Amino acid sequence: MILSTNQELRLHLPSNAVDDVAILQGILDNSEKDFLKDKLGAPLYVRLCEYYNGISPDEFFLSVTNGTYTQDAWAELLLNAQRMVANDAMARFAYQQIISVNGAGINVASSEDYNAASEKLLDKGVHGYRKEAMVSLNNLLLLLEDWAQTANTPMPVAEEDDDTQEGDITTLTDPQTVIGEIVSLWQESKYYYLHHDLLIPTCACLQQFIDIYENRDKFIRLLPDLHFIQDEYITDAIGEETLHDLLQSEDKADKRLLRKVRRMMVAYLEERTMVLSIDRVRRQQAHDEAVALKDSVLAMLKAKEESAQEPGTTTEAQPTGEQGFKNNQPGSRIFVSPLLY
């Protein structure tokens, strides 16, 4: 568990009037396992839980209120993770909280201190919790992505000092070392930001070609479509070797060709995917664009191949080693007599 006190809950849900956060532990645990764990990946999630068990929740709360939590990457990660879990849990629990299960059956819960929320207000509240949960998710993934881009070294193993008891988690004081550990563990998650095997490897890269509001979660849900398009359309069209060369090349012409191939990939994505809301007219336009871009890419590849060959020379028409010159070749206007000795 990564949230256990009323103070922590109020950091994320200031209007809540829950007397004891313990009554929410079940739904909070479900949100952790179902909504948070796969985003972090199991290794990082387990390590975050270990970190939380090794600190004082009250001290953590104070560090957030006075702003010093930013000095500890684990505390910063914890705060973002808690915000995800708290909002997702409320979105799950809000409707259930209306009813009360007791010995007389299932009744509507009520309170003398508060007026009952209308169905419309309740729906808006649940929608708001879900929206905040998704915003918190994107902020968490963006934080991890920024750390991954700035991490300089692989994760060094933390060493325990003489005062460390068995089961305690040693706090790594060097910020870059802590970030390195977090990033190393996050690489085990499918939500790790960089996918080296794709033409469009990151959310930021995709954002250059189509507006997905820099939504990291949506990018992950688009990965099956992107893999299918690259494997079945792009690779079949240009070949694996060309695809690999485009990703590795620093040549300006190759970079221009790579951008065109990526545009083709995104056009196929708009035509195919169900993750994005795209109307039928735009899907047809995207199909037409994909066909036109494919023709353009193939034409550029053909021109590149032709320019790599010197004009007017062919393997058969050149004098080559012991074979010597061959008469009666197409385009040849000379005849060479054989040696007379």
Protein backbone atom coordinates (compact mmCIF):
# COMPACT_ATOMS: atom_id res chain seq x y z
CA MET A 1 0.00 0.00 0.00
CA ILE A 2 1.18 3.55 -0.72
CA LEU A 3 -1.50 5.60 1.06
CA SER A 4 -2.59 4.99 4.66
CA THR A 5 -3.53 8.23 6.44
CA ASN A 6 -6.33 10.79 6.27
CA GLN A 7 -3.77 13.57 5.84
CA GLU A 8 -2.38 11.95 2.71
CA LEU A 9 -5.86 11.44 1.29
CA ARG A 10 -6.64 15.14 1.80
CA LEU A 11 -3.57 16.09 -0.22
CA HIS A 12 -5.39 14.72 -3.24
CA LEU A 13 -9.06 14.97 -2.26
CA PRO A 14 -9.31 18.07 -0.05
CA SER A 15 -13.12 18.03 0.07
CA ASN A 16 -13.38 14.50 1.45
CA ALA A 17 -14.84 14.01 4.92
CA VAL A 18 -13.82 10.40 5.48
CA ASP A 19 -13.30 9.78 9.19
CA ASP A 20 -10.93 6.86 8.75
CA VAL A 21 -9.06 6.09 5.54
CA ALA A 22 -8.93 2.45 6.64
CA ILE A 23 -12.49 1.94 5.37
CA LEU A 24 -11.18 2.72 1.88
CA GLN A 25 -8.19 0.39 2.00
CA GLY A 26 -9.85 -2.27 -0.13
CA ILE A 27 -10.79 0.08 -2.96
CA LEU A 28 -7.42 1.88 -2.74
CA ASP A 29 -5.63 -1.44 -3.00
CA ASN A 30 -7.71 -2.36 -6.07
CA SER A 31 -6.77 0.93 -7.71
CA GLU A 32 -3.09 0.35 -6.96
CA LYS A 33 -3.13 -3.13 -8.46
CA ASP A 34 -5.40 -2.36 -11.43
CA PHE A 35 -4.53 1.23 -12.35
CA LEU A 36 -1.02 1.96 -11.05
CA LYS A 37 1.00 -1.26 -11.01
CA ASP A 38 1.23 -1.90 -14.76
CA LYS A 39 2.15 1.76 -15.41
CA LEU A 40 5.14 1.47 -13.10
CA GLY A 41 5.85 -2.18 -13.82
CA ALA A 42 5.94 -4.77 -11.05
CA PRO A 43 9.61 -4.17 -10.01
CA LEU A 44 9.17 -0.42 -9.60
CA TYR A 45 5.78 -0.79 -7.91
CA VAL A 46 7.20 -3.24 -5.35
CA ARG A 47 10.18 -0.95 -4.70
CA LEU A 48 7.85 2.05 -4.22
CA CYS A 49 5.83 0.09 -1.67
CA GLU A 50 9.06 -0.78 0.14
CA TYR A 51 10.05 2.89 0.15
CA TYR A 52 6.66 3.86 1.61
CA ASN A 53 6.92 1.23 4.34
CA GLY A 54 10.30 2.66 5.32
CA ILE A 55 9.17 6.27 5.83
CA SER A 56 6.83 8.10 8.20
CA PRO A 57 3.55 9.10 6.45
CA ASP A 58 3.31 12.14 8.74
CA GLU A 59 6.79 13.32 7.76
CA PHE A 60 5.98 12.71 4.12
CA PHE A 61 2.84 14.84 4.49
CA LEU A 62 4.87 17.67 6.02
CA SER A 63 7.47 17.44 3.23
CA VAL A 64 4.71 17.91 0.66
CA THR A 65 3.13 20.87 2.44
CA ASN A 66 6.48 22.66 2.82
CA GLY A 67 7.73 21.69 -0.65
CA THR A 68 10.84 19.79 0.40
CA TYR A 69 9.56 16.51 -1.09
CA THR A 70 11.03 17.51 -4.46
CA GLN A 71 14.49 16.89 -3.02
CA ASP A 72 13.75 13.15 -2.96
CA ALA A 73 12.83 11.51 -6.27
CA TRP A 74 11.11 8.64 -4.46
CA ALA A 75 8.89 11.10 -2.57
CA GLU A 76 8.05 12.90 -5.82
CA LEU A 77 7.15 9.60 -7.48
CA LEU A 78 5.08 8.59 -4.44
CA LEU A 79 3.05 11.82 -4.49
CA ASN A 80 2.18 11.39 -8.17
CA ALA A 81 1.30 7.73 -7.66
CA GLN A 82 -0.92 8.54 -4.68
CA ARG A 83 -2.82 11.15 -6.70
CA MET A 84 -3.53 8.59 -9.40
CA VAL A 85 -4.75 6.01 -6.91
CA ALA A 86 -6.88 8.40 -4.83
CA ASN A 87 -8.81 9.79 -7.80
CA ASP A 88 -9.26 6.42 -9.46
CA ALA A 89 -10.50 4.92 -6.17
CA MET A 90 -13.09 7.70 -5.74
CA ALA A 91 -14.31 7.22 -9.31
CA ARG A 92 -14.79 3.51 -8.55
CA PHE A 93 -16.31 4.00 -5.12
CA ALA A 94 -18.63 6.99 -5.55
CA TYR A 95 -21.66 5.07 -6.82
CA GLN A 96 -21.19 2.28 -4.27
CA GLN A 97 -21.07 4.81 -1.46
CA ILE A 98 -24.71 5.77 -2.12
CA ILE A 99 -26.06 2.42 -0.93
CA SER A 100 -25.79 0.70 2.41
CA VAL A 101 -25.79 -3.08 2.83
CA ASN A 102 -27.23 -4.18 6.18
CA GLY A 103 -29.30 -6.87 7.83
CA ALA A 104 -32.52 -5.40 6.44
CA GLY A 105 -31.28 -5.47 2.88
CA ILE A 106 -29.71 -2.84 0.64
CA ASN A 107 -30.76 0.73 1.43
CA VAL A 108 -29.81 4.23 0.38
CA ALA A 109 -27.26 5.78 2.71
CA SER A 110 -28.06 9.25 4.05
CA SER A 111 -26.63 11.82 6.44
CA GLU A 112 -28.23 14.54 8.51
CA ASP A 113 -25.21 16.83 8.01
CA TYR A 114 -25.24 16.84 4.20
CA ASN A 115 -27.82 17.04 1.45
CA ALA A 116 -27.89 14.09 -0.92
CA ALA A 117 -26.18 14.68 -4.25
CA SER A 118 -28.44 14.56 -7.27
CA GLU A 119 -27.81 11.94 -9.93
CA LYS A 120 -26.53 14.65 -12.27
CA LEU A 121 -24.07 15.99 -9.71
CA LEU A 122 -22.93 12.48 -8.87
CA ASP A 123 -22.25 11.74 -12.53
CA LYS A 124 -20.28 14.97 -12.84
CA GLY A 125 -18.31 14.10 -9.72
CA VAL A 126 -17.40 10.64 -10.99
CA HIS A 127 -16.44 12.11 -14.37
CA GLY A 128 -14.25 14.65 -12.58
CA TYR A 129 -12.49 11.96 -10.55
CA ARG A 130 -11.81 9.91 -13.69
CA LYS A 131 -10.49 12.95 -15.53
CA GLU A 132 -8.16 13.83 -12.65
CA ALA A 133 -6.99 10.21 -12.46
CA MET A 134 -6.02 10.30 -16.16
CA VAL A 135 -4.34 13.69 -15.80
CA SER A 136 -2.40 12.33 -12.83
CA LEU A 137 -1.42 9.26 -14.88
CA ASN A 138 -0.09 11.41 -17.70
CA ASN A 139 1.85 13.58 -15.23
CA LEU A 140 3.39 10.46 -13.67
CA LEU A 141 4.46 9.06 -17.05
CA LEU A 142 5.81 12.45 -18.13
CA LEU A 143 7.85 12.68 -14.92
CA LEU A 144 9.31 9.22 -15.49
CA GLU A 145 9.99 10.03 -19.14
CA ASP A 146 11.87 13.20 -18.19
CA TRP A 147 13.93 11.24 -15.69
CA ALA A 148 14.68 8.54 -18.25
CA GLN A 149 15.94 11.14 -20.73
CA THR A 150 18.24 12.73 -18.17
CA ALA A 151 19.53 9.57 -16.48
CA ASN A 152 23.24 9.29 -17.22
CA THR A 153 24.24 5.99 -15.70
CA PRO A 154 22.74 2.54 -15.08
CA MET A 155 21.35 1.91 -11.65
CA PRO A 156 24.09 1.33 -9.08
CA VAL A 157 23.27 -1.11 -6.29
CA ALA A 158 22.50 0.55 -2.98
CA GLU A 159 24.81 -0.47 -0.17
CA GLU A 160 23.61 -0.97 3.38
CA ASP A 161 25.49 0.71 6.19
CA ASP A 162 26.21 -0.82 9.57
CA ASP A 163 23.07 0.68 11.14
CA THR A 164 20.70 -0.75 8.55
CA GLN A 165 18.48 -3.49 9.92
CA GLU A 166 17.37 -6.48 7.88
CA GLY A 167 14.34 -5.57 5.80
CA ASP A 168 15.04 -1.81 5.88
CA ILE A 169 15.41 0.09 2.63
CA THR A 170 18.53 2.22 2.45
CA THR A 171 17.82 5.71 1.14
CA LEU A 172 20.11 6.71 -1.70
CA THR A 173 21.08 10.34 -1.18
CA ASP A 174 22.54 11.20 -4.58
CA PRO A 175 19.61 12.45 -6.74
CA GLN A 176 21.04 11.12 -9.99
CA THR A 177 21.63 7.72 -8.42
CA VAL A 178 18.05 7.57 -7.18
CA ILE A 179 16.70 8.57 -10.57
CA GLY A 180 18.94 5.97 -12.20
CA GLU A 181 17.47 3.29 -9.94
CA ILE A 182 13.89 4.35 -10.68
CA VAL A 183 14.45 4.47 -14.44
CA SER A 184 16.22 1.10 -14.42
CA LEU A 185 13.23 -0.48 -12.69
CA TRP A 186 10.71 1.32 -14.91
CA GLN A 187 12.30 -0.20 -18.01
CA GLU A 188 10.60 -3.46 -17.03
CA SER A 189 7.18 -1.87 -17.62
CA LYS A 190 5.38 -1.88 -20.98
CA TYR A 191 4.76 1.82 -20.27
CA TYR A 192 8.45 2.63 -20.56
CA TYR A 193 8.49 5.61 -22.88
CA LEU A 194 11.00 4.45 -25.50
CA HIS A 195 10.27 1.62 -27.96
CA HIS A 196 13.45 1.13 -29.97
CA ASP A 197 11.88 -1.33 -32.39
CA LEU A 198 9.35 1.19 -33.72
CA LEU A 199 9.64 3.88 -36.38
CA ILE A 200 7.61 6.04 -34.00
CA PRO A 201 9.29 5.16 -30.69
CA THR A 202 7.81 7.73 -28.28
CA CYS A 203 4.68 9.71 -27.54
CA ALA A 204 6.58 12.93 -28.30
CA CYS A 205 7.51 11.58 -31.74
CA LEU A 206 3.90 10.66 -32.54
CA GLN A 207 2.73 14.08 -31.34
CA GLN A 208 4.74 15.67 -34.19
CA PHE A 209 2.47 14.00 -36.74
CA ILE A 210 -0.93 13.77 -35.03
CA ASP A 211 -2.34 15.55 -31.99
CA ILE A 212 -3.04 13.08 -29.19
CA TYR A 213 -2.68 15.82 -26.54
CA GLU A 214 0.63 14.24 -25.50
CA ASN A 215 -1.36 11.53 -23.78
CA ARG A 216 1.15 8.84 -22.77
CA ASP A 217 -1.52 6.31 -21.85
CA LYS A 218 -3.16 6.69 -25.27
CA PHE A 219 0.21 6.20 -26.96
CA ILE A 220 0.66 2.88 -25.14
CA ARG A 221 -2.81 1.78 -26.26
CA LEU A 222 -1.83 2.64 -29.84
CA LEU A 223 1.24 0.38 -29.76
CA PRO A 224 -0.53 -2.75 -31.10
CA ASP A 225 -1.74 -0.75 -34.11
CA LEU A 226 1.71 0.78 -34.65
CA HIS A 227 3.41 -2.61 -34.51
CA PHE A 228 0.89 -4.10 -36.95
CA ILE A 229 1.31 -1.23 -39.42
CA GLN A 230 5.09 -1.35 -39.27
CA ASP A 231 5.23 -5.15 -39.67
CA GLU A 232 2.54 -5.62 -42.30
CA TYR A 233 2.63 -2.37 -44.33
CA ILE A 234 5.89 -0.50 -43.87
CA THR A 235 8.35 -3.40 -43.75
CA ASP A 236 6.67 -5.12 -46.69
CA ALA A 237 6.93 -1.91 -48.72
CA ILE A 238 10.52 -0.83 -48.03
CA GLY A 239 12.18 -3.91 -46.52
CA GLU A 240 13.74 -4.52 -43.11
CA GLU A 241 17.22 -3.45 -44.18
CA THR A 242 16.03 -0.09 -45.50
CA LEU A 243 13.96 0.46 -42.38
CA HIS A 244 16.97 -0.23 -40.16
CA ASP A 245 19.19 2.06 -42.25
CA LEU A 246 16.69 4.92 -42.03
CA LEU A 247 16.65 4.73 -38.23
CA GLN A 248 20.45 4.76 -38.03
CA SER A 249 21.34 7.26 -40.77
CA GLU A 250 22.34 10.88 -40.10
CA ASP A 251 22.11 11.85 -43.79
CA LYS A 252 19.73 14.77 -44.45
CA ALA A 253 18.08 13.04 -47.40
CA ASP A 254 17.51 9.90 -45.30
CA LYS A 255 16.04 11.98 -42.47
CA ARG A 256 13.61 13.56 -44.94
CA LEU A 257 12.68 10.10 -46.19
CA LEU A 258 12.22 8.90 -42.59
CA ARG A 259 9.76 11.74 -41.92
CA LYS A 260 7.79 10.76 -44.99
CA VAL A 261 7.72 7.11 -43.90
CA ARG A 262 6.48 8.17 -40.48
CA ARG A 263 3.73 10.26 -42.07
CA MET A 264 2.73 7.19 -44.06
CA MET A 265 2.65 5.16 -40.86
CA VAL A 266 0.41 7.74 -39.15
CA ALA A 267 -1.94 7.83 -42.16
CA TYR A 268 -2.34 4.06 -41.90
CA LEU A 269 -2.86 4.53 -38.14
CA GLU A 270 -5.73 6.98 -38.67
CA GLU A 271 -7.31 4.59 -41.15
CA ARG A 272 -7.03 1.55 -38.88
CA THR A 273 -7.13 2.41 -35.17
CA MET A 274 -10.16 2.35 -32.87
CA VAL A 275 -8.27 4.04 -30.03
CA LEU A 276 -8.61 7.50 -31.61
CA SER A 277 -11.95 9.10 -32.45
CA ILE A 278 -11.71 9.52 -36.22
CA ASP A 279 -14.78 9.92 -38.46
CA ARG A 280 -15.38 7.94 -41.63
CA VAL A 281 -14.50 10.84 -43.97
CA ARG A 282 -11.12 11.35 -42.32
CA ARG A 283 -10.41 7.62 -42.40
CA GLN A 284 -10.93 7.62 -46.17
CA GLN A 285 -8.71 10.68 -46.54
CA ALA A 286 -6.05 8.96 -44.44
CA HIS A 287 -6.25 5.89 -46.69
CA ASP A 288 -5.72 8.03 -49.79
CA GLU A 289 -2.82 9.83 -48.12
CA ALA A 290 -1.21 6.52 -47.14
CA VAL A 291 -1.36 5.27 -50.75
CA ALA A 292 0.09 8.52 -52.10
CA LEU A 293 2.84 8.59 -49.47
CA LYS A 294 3.74 4.98 -50.21
CA ASP A 295 4.17 5.82 -53.92
CA SER A 296 6.28 8.84 -53.00
CA VAL A 297 8.48 6.81 -50.64
CA LEU A 298 9.05 4.08 -53.23
CA ALA A 299 9.92 6.71 -55.85
CA MET A 300 12.45 8.30 -53.49
CA LEU A 301 14.01 4.92 -52.75
CA LYS A 302 14.26 4.13 -56.46
CA ALA A 303 15.89 7.50 -57.19
CA LYS A 304 18.34 6.95 -54.35
CA GLU A 305 19.27 3.52 -55.70
CA GLU A 306 19.79 4.86 -59.22
CA SER A 307 21.92 7.78 -58.02
CA ALA A 308 24.19 5.33 -56.20
CA GLN A 309 25.20 3.84 -59.56
CA GLU A 310 27.58 5.72 -61.86
CA PRO A 311 25.83 6.58 -65.14
CA GLY A 312 26.90 4.70 -68.29
CA THR A 313 28.58 1.78 -66.52
CA THR A 314 27.38 -1.75 -66.18
CA THR A 315 29.02 -4.78 -64.74
CA GLU A 316 28.96 -6.62 -68.07
CA ALA A 317 30.47 -3.79 -70.17
CA GLN A 318 33.48 -3.10 -67.93
CA PRO A 319 36.87 -4.79 -68.43
CA THR A 320 37.13 -6.88 -65.29
CA GLY A 321 40.29 -8.70 -64.38
CA GLU A 322 40.97 -11.93 -66.24
CA GLN A 323 37.66 -11.93 -68.12
CA GLY A 324 38.73 -8.96 -70.26
CA PHE A 325 36.48 -7.00 -72.58
CA LYS A 326 33.50 -8.77 -74.16
CA ASN A 327 32.43 -7.99 -77.72
CA ASN A 328 28.85 -7.53 -78.92
CA GLN A 329 27.63 -5.98 -75.66
CA PRO A 330 24.55 -3.73 -75.89
CA GLY A 331 25.62 -0.13 -76.61
CA SER A 332 29.21 -1.04 -77.47
CA ARG A 333 30.63 0.51 -80.67
CA ILE A 334 34.04 -1.10 -80.69
CA PHE A 335 35.31 -4.55 -81.53
CA VAL A 336 38.43 -5.94 -79.92
CA SER A 337 40.40 -8.55 -81.81
CA PRO A 338 41.74 -11.49 -79.87
CA LEU A 339 45.43 -11.74 -79.26
CA LEU A 340 47.28 -13.38 -82.16
CA TYR A 341 49.93 -15.01 -79.94
